[in-house]
């Protein structure tokens, strides 16, 4: 089950996800819920993944689909509060640079405003840190593709 909670902060729509974003009804509900936002003029979106216990390739594809819709409407989507399994999935799918990922809500929110010196989540730093802790992902064990 996926719970989708909406709130607004400084004119940006913040979506808190709790539960699973996987193939099936959760994915469809999420897509239907967020597809309406750009048409309603809400083109600045933040996705909070801290409460997301499960995420699969279909969930990632849906986030990318929503990101594309928001960009077509002239807006932007940013993701924050990812956990190591979310990042590992992005790495395995080779999508780590496809989304704007931030460590905290504050950093993600500030990225929407000009003249803010906010650094996006550094995926390479995360992978290096994971290797040092022995938490290598399948993607990092495979090495670069030929």
C-alpha atoms as a PDB file:
ATOM      1  CA  UNK A   1       0.000   0.000   0.000  1.00  0.00           C
ATOM      2  CA  UNK A   2       1.176   3.525  -0.781  1.00  0.00           C
ATOM      3  CA  UNK A   3       0.123   6.601   1.161  1.00  0.00           C
ATOM      4  CA  UNK A   4       0.568   9.888  -0.746  1.00  0.00           C
ATOM      5  CA  UNK A   5       0.458  13.044   1.355  1.00  0.00           C
ATOM      6  CA  UNK A   6       0.555  16.512  -0.183  1.00  0.00           C
ATOM      7  CA  UNK A   7       1.688  19.700   1.487  1.00  0.00           C
ATOM      8  CA  UNK A   8       3.005  23.022   0.252  1.00  0.00           C
ATOM      9  CA  UNK A   9       6.164  24.784   1.353  1.00  0.00           C
ATOM     10  CA  UNK A  10       7.233  28.152  -0.064  1.00  0.00           C
ATOM     11  CA  UNK A  11       5.049  27.597  -3.151  1.00  0.00           C
ATOM     12  CA  UNK A  12       6.518  24.169  -3.891  1.00  0.00           C
ATOM     13  CA  UNK A  13       4.379  21.023  -3.720  1.00  0.00           C
ATOM     14  CA  UNK A  14       5.933  18.502  -1.328  1.00  0.00           C
ATOM     15  CA  UNK A  15       4.781  14.899  -1.688  1.00  0.00           C
ATOM     16  CA  UNK A  16       5.517  12.540   1.192  1.00  0.00           C
ATOM     17  CA  UNK A  17       5.430   8.885   0.169  1.00  0.00           C
ATOM     18  CA  UNK A  18       4.838   6.178   2.766  1.00  0.00           C
ATOM     19  CA  UNK A  19       4.743   2.462   1.986  1.00  0.00           C
ATOM     20  CA  UNK A  20       5.586   0.743  -1.281  1.00  0.00           C
ATOM     21  CA  UNK A  21       5.987   2.186  -4.757  1.00  0.00           C
ATOM     22  CA  UNK A  22       6.085  -1.014  -6.775  1.00  0.00           C
ATOM     23  CA  UNK A  23       4.445  -2.588  -9.807  1.00  0.00           C
ATOM     24  CA  UNK A  24       0.693  -2.789  -9.326  1.00  0.00           C
ATOM     25  CA  UNK A  25      -1.997  -0.619  -7.810  1.00  0.00           C
ATOM     26  CA  UNK A  26       0.469   1.565  -5.863  1.00  0.00           C
ATOM     27  CA  UNK A  27       2.235   2.559  -9.061  1.00  0.00           C
ATOM     28  CA  UNK A  28      -1.058   3.343 -10.804  1.00  0.00           C
ATOM     29  CA  UNK A  29      -2.365   5.366  -7.855  1.00  0.00           C
ATOM     30  CA  UNK A  30       0.857   7.377  -7.674  1.00  0.00           C
ATOM     31  CA  UNK A  31       0.865   8.086 -11.404  1.00  0.00           C
ATOM     32  CA  UNK A  32      -2.801   9.134 -11.386  1.00  0.00           C
ATOM     33  CA  UNK A  33      -2.311  11.360  -8.339  1.00  0.00           C
ATOM     34  CA  UNK A  34       0.716  13.200  -9.703  1.00  0.00           C
ATOM     35  CA  UNK A  35      -0.285  13.465 -13.371  1.00  0.00           C
ATOM     36  CA  UNK A  36      -2.849  16.124 -12.513  1.00  0.00           C
ATOM     37  CA  UNK A  37      -0.386  18.460 -10.781  1.00  0.00           C
ATOM     38  CA  UNK A  38       1.287  20.118 -13.824  1.00  0.00           C
ATOM     39  CA  UNK A  39      -2.140  20.773 -15.371  1.00  0.00           C
ATOM     40  CA  UNK A  40      -3.146  22.452 -12.092  1.00  0.00           C
ATOM     41  CA  UNK A  41      -0.112  24.751 -12.357  1.00  0.00           C
ATOM     42  CA  UNK A  42       1.961  22.918  -9.764  1.00  0.00           C
ATOM     43  CA  UNK A  43       5.257  22.518 -11.557  1.00  0.00           C
ATOM     44  CA  UNK A  44       7.654  22.633  -8.627  1.00  0.00           C
ATOM     45  CA  UNK A  45       7.539  19.201  -6.999  1.00  0.00           C
ATOM     46  CA  UNK A  46       9.526  17.622  -4.177  1.00  0.00           C
ATOM     47  CA  UNK A  47       9.288  13.886  -3.512  1.00  0.00           C
ATOM     48  CA  UNK A  48      10.115  12.781   0.028  1.00  0.00           C
ATOM     49  CA  UNK A  49      11.190   9.129  -0.108  1.00  0.00           C
ATOM     50  CA  UNK A  50      11.976   8.736   3.618  1.00  0.00           C
ATOM     51  CA  UNK A  51       8.805   6.709   4.269  1.00  0.00           C
ATOM     52  CA  UNK A  52       9.173   4.556   1.169  1.00  0.00           C
ATOM     53  CA  UNK A  53       9.858   1.016   2.356  1.00  0.00           C
ATOM     54  CA  UNK A  54       9.894  -0.567  -1.097  1.00  0.00           C
ATOM     55  CA  UNK A  55      10.791   0.806  -4.497  1.00  0.00           C
ATOM     56  CA  UNK A  56      11.210  -1.211  -7.670  1.00  0.00           C
ATOM     57  CA  UNK A  57      12.037  -0.502 -11.317  1.00  0.00           C
ATOM     58  CA  UNK A  58       8.387   0.286 -12.070  1.00  0.00           C
ATOM     59  CA  UNK A  59       8.340   2.854  -9.264  1.00  0.00           C
ATOM     60  CA  UNK A  60      11.524   4.470 -10.615  1.00  0.00           C
ATOM     61  CA  UNK A  61      10.020   4.503 -14.128  1.00  0.00           C
ATOM     62  CA  UNK A  62       6.907   6.218 -12.783  1.00  0.00           C
ATOM     63  CA  UNK A  63       9.001   8.874 -11.019  1.00  0.00           C
ATOM     64  CA  UNK A  64      10.864   9.460 -14.302  1.00  0.00           C
ATOM     65  CA  UNK A  65       7.530   9.660 -16.173  1.00  0.00           C
ATOM     66  CA  UNK A  66       6.232  12.291 -13.729  1.00  0.00           C
ATOM     67  CA  UNK A  67       9.565  14.143 -13.987  1.00  0.00           C
ATOM     68  CA  UNK A  68       9.141  14.253 -17.778  1.00  0.00           C
ATOM     69  CA  UNK A  69       5.589  15.611 -17.489  1.00  0.00           C
ATOM     70  CA  UNK A  70       6.692  18.294 -15.039  1.00  0.00           C
ATOM     71  CA  UNK A  71       9.601  19.330 -17.292  1.00  0.00           C
ATOM     72  CA  UNK A  72       7.280  19.541 -20.331  1.00  0.00           C
ATOM     73  CA  UNK A  73       5.126  21.921 -18.289  1.00  0.00           C
ATOM     74  CA  UNK A  74       8.206  24.070 -17.604  1.00  0.00           C
ATOM     75  CA  UNK A  75       8.787  22.851 -14.065  1.00  0.00           C
ATOM     76  CA  UNK A  76      11.087  20.630 -12.092  1.00  0.00           C
ATOM     77  CA  UNK A  77      10.943  17.636  -9.783  1.00  0.00           C
ATOM     78  CA  UNK A  78      13.486  16.939  -7.036  1.00  0.00           C
ATOM     79  CA  UNK A  79      13.813  13.893  -4.795  1.00  0.00           C
ATOM     80  CA  UNK A  80      15.099  13.895  -1.223  1.00  0.00           C
ATOM     81  CA  UNK A  81      15.557  11.620   1.787  1.00  0.00           C
ATOM     82  CA  UNK A  82      16.586   8.629  -0.273  1.00  0.00           C
ATOM     83  CA  UNK A  83      17.916   5.557   1.470  1.00  0.00           C
ATOM     84  CA  UNK A  84      20.789   3.324   0.301  1.00  0.00           C
ATOM     85  CA  UNK A  85      18.457   0.840  -1.403  1.00  0.00           C
ATOM     86  CA  UNK A  86      16.868   3.649  -3.472  1.00  0.00           C
ATOM     87  CA  UNK A  87      20.310   4.821  -4.609  1.00  0.00           C
ATOM     88  CA  UNK A  88      21.398   1.241  -5.329  1.00  0.00           C
ATOM     89  CA  UNK A  89      18.346   0.796  -7.566  1.00  0.00           C
ATOM     90  CA  UNK A  90      19.156   4.011  -9.452  1.00  0.00           C
ATOM     91  CA  UNK A  91      22.737   2.817  -9.905  1.00  0.00           C
ATOM     92  CA  UNK A  92      21.673  -0.610 -11.146  1.00  0.00           C
ATOM     93  CA  UNK A  93      19.334   1.010 -13.670  1.00  0.00           C
ATOM     94  CA  UNK A  94      22.077   3.521 -14.565  1.00  0.00           C
ATOM     95  CA  UNK A  95      19.716   6.402 -13.789  1.00  0.00           C
ATOM     96  CA  UNK A  96      21.708   8.083 -11.031  1.00  0.00           C
ATOM     97  CA  UNK A  97      22.042  11.313 -13.017  1.00  0.00           C
ATOM     98  CA  UNK A  98      18.492  11.317 -14.394  1.00  0.00           C
ATOM     99  CA  UNK A  99      16.907  12.788 -11.264  1.00  0.00           C
ATOM    100  CA  UNK A 100      17.755  15.747  -9.056  1.00  0.00           C
ATOM    101  CA  UNK A 101      18.491  14.025  -5.744  1.00  0.00           C
ATOM    102  CA  UNK A 102      19.138  15.877  -2.475  1.00  0.00           C
ATOM    103  CA  UNK A 103      19.944  14.676   1.015  1.00  0.00           C
ATOM    104  CA  UNK A 104      17.415  16.840   2.881  1.00  0.00           C
ATOM    105  CA  UNK A 105      14.137  18.636   2.306  1.00  0.00           C
ATOM    106  CA  UNK A 106      15.785  21.974   3.044  1.00  0.00           C
ATOM    107  CA  UNK A 107      18.437  21.455   0.346  1.00  0.00           C
ATOM    108  CA  UNK A 108      15.857  20.228  -2.174  1.00  0.00           C
ATOM    109  CA  UNK A 109      13.567  23.186  -1.468  1.00  0.00           C
ATOM    110  CA  UNK A 110      16.377  25.732  -1.690  1.00  0.00           C
ATOM    111  CA  UNK A 111      17.387  24.316  -5.081  1.00  0.00           C
ATOM    112  CA  UNK A 112      14.220  25.860  -6.529  1.00  0.00           C
ATOM    113  CA  UNK A 113      15.323  29.386  -5.696  1.00  0.00           C
ATOM    114  CA  UNK A 114      17.998  31.350  -7.574  1.00  0.00           C
ATOM    115  CA  UNK A 115      21.312  32.241  -5.960  1.00  0.00           C
ATOM    116  CA  UNK A 116      21.275  29.262  -3.604  1.00  0.00           C
ATOM    117  CA  UNK A 117      24.542  27.358  -3.436  1.00  0.00           C
ATOM    118  CA  UNK A 118      23.069  23.904  -2.892  1.00  0.00           C
ATOM    119  CA  UNK A 119      24.893  20.755  -3.922  1.00  0.00           C
ATOM    120  CA  UNK A 120      22.831  17.798  -5.155  1.00  0.00           C
ATOM    121  CA  UNK A 121      23.356  14.405  -3.570  1.00  0.00           C
ATOM    122  CA  UNK A 122      26.742  13.084  -4.670  1.00  0.00           C
ATOM    123  CA  UNK A 123      26.106   9.555  -5.935  1.00  0.00           C
ATOM    124  CA  UNK A 124      29.809   8.860  -6.529  1.00  0.00           C
ATOM    125  CA  UNK A 125      30.606   9.846  -2.959  1.00  0.00           C
ATOM    126  CA  UNK A 126      27.848   7.523  -1.770  1.00  0.00           C
ATOM    127  CA  UNK A 127      29.216   4.595  -3.821  1.00  0.00           C
ATOM    128  CA  UNK A 128      32.731   5.210  -2.513  1.00  0.00           C
ATOM    129  CA  UNK A 129      31.451   5.374   1.062  1.00  0.00           C
ATOM    130  CA  UNK A 130      29.424   2.188   0.551  1.00  0.00           C
ATOM    131  CA  UNK A 131      32.497   0.370  -0.752  1.00  0.00           C
ATOM    132  CA  UNK A 132      34.465   1.454   2.296  1.00  0.00           C
ATOM    133  CA  UNK A 133      31.708   0.090   4.540  1.00  0.00           C
ATOM    134  CA  UNK A 134      31.407  -3.107   2.501  1.00  0.00           C
ATOM    135  CA  UNK A 135      27.958  -2.226   1.205  1.00  0.00           C
ATOM    136  CA  UNK A 136      28.729  -2.526  -2.492  1.00  0.00           C
ATOM    137  CA  UNK A 137      25.783  -2.810  -4.813  1.00  0.00           C
ATOM    138  CA  UNK A 138      25.381  -5.235  -7.672  1.00  0.00           C
ATOM    139  CA  UNK A 139      25.976  -2.296 -10.026  1.00  0.00           C
ATOM    140  CA  UNK A 140      29.274  -1.369  -8.413  1.00  0.00           C
ATOM    141  CA  UNK A 141      30.436  -4.993  -8.381  1.00  0.00           C
ATOM    142  CA  UNK A 142      29.762  -5.317 -12.128  1.00  0.00           C
ATOM    143  CA  UNK A 143      32.079  -2.472 -12.957  1.00  0.00           C
ATOM    144  CA  UNK A 144      31.784  -0.256 -16.032  1.00  0.00           C
ATOM    145  CA  UNK A 145      29.933  -1.657 -19.007  1.00  0.00           C
ATOM    146  CA  UNK A 146      31.794  -2.319 -22.222  1.00  0.00           C
END
